[in-house]
Amino acid sequence: MGVTAARLNEVSGIIVDTAFHVHTALGPGLLESVYQKILAHELRKRGLKVDEEVPIPLYWEGIQMEIGFRADLVVEDLVLIELKSVEEVPRVFHKKLLTYLRLADKRLGLLLNFGAAFLRDGIVRVANGMPE
């Protein structure tokens, strides 16, 4: 049985709620690596499986190329998370996340910018052919 939209929404809801908690406690302006470690820790406390710095291979003509693409976090093997800590995220990062989703064969990604004054302004949800 494949993943459902309900399960993706459940996991992404927990991720966003946890990210709000972290952002409220720490505020904006720290390094991405700080937010990554703390968010991963907090998600694990909530019972979710979290992998950090997950390699994303690229296949070219049937050959796996290790080019150095990495997802900051992958939660429950379902949701790919890219973290930023900048004042404003350039649109190219939205496209990068969609490309990562396609390469990793994932359906949902979250771009979380902890540099935003209000985290709600720093959340971008990107879908890659969501299930019904």
Foldseek 3Di string as FASTA:
>chain_A
DDDAPVVVVVLVVVLVVLLQVVCVVPPADDFQVVSLVSSCVVVVVVVKDKDAFAFQWDADPNDTDRPRDTFGMDINVAETEHEARDQDDDCVVLVVQQVSCVSSVHFKYWYFHSNYRRRVVRIDIDGDPHHD
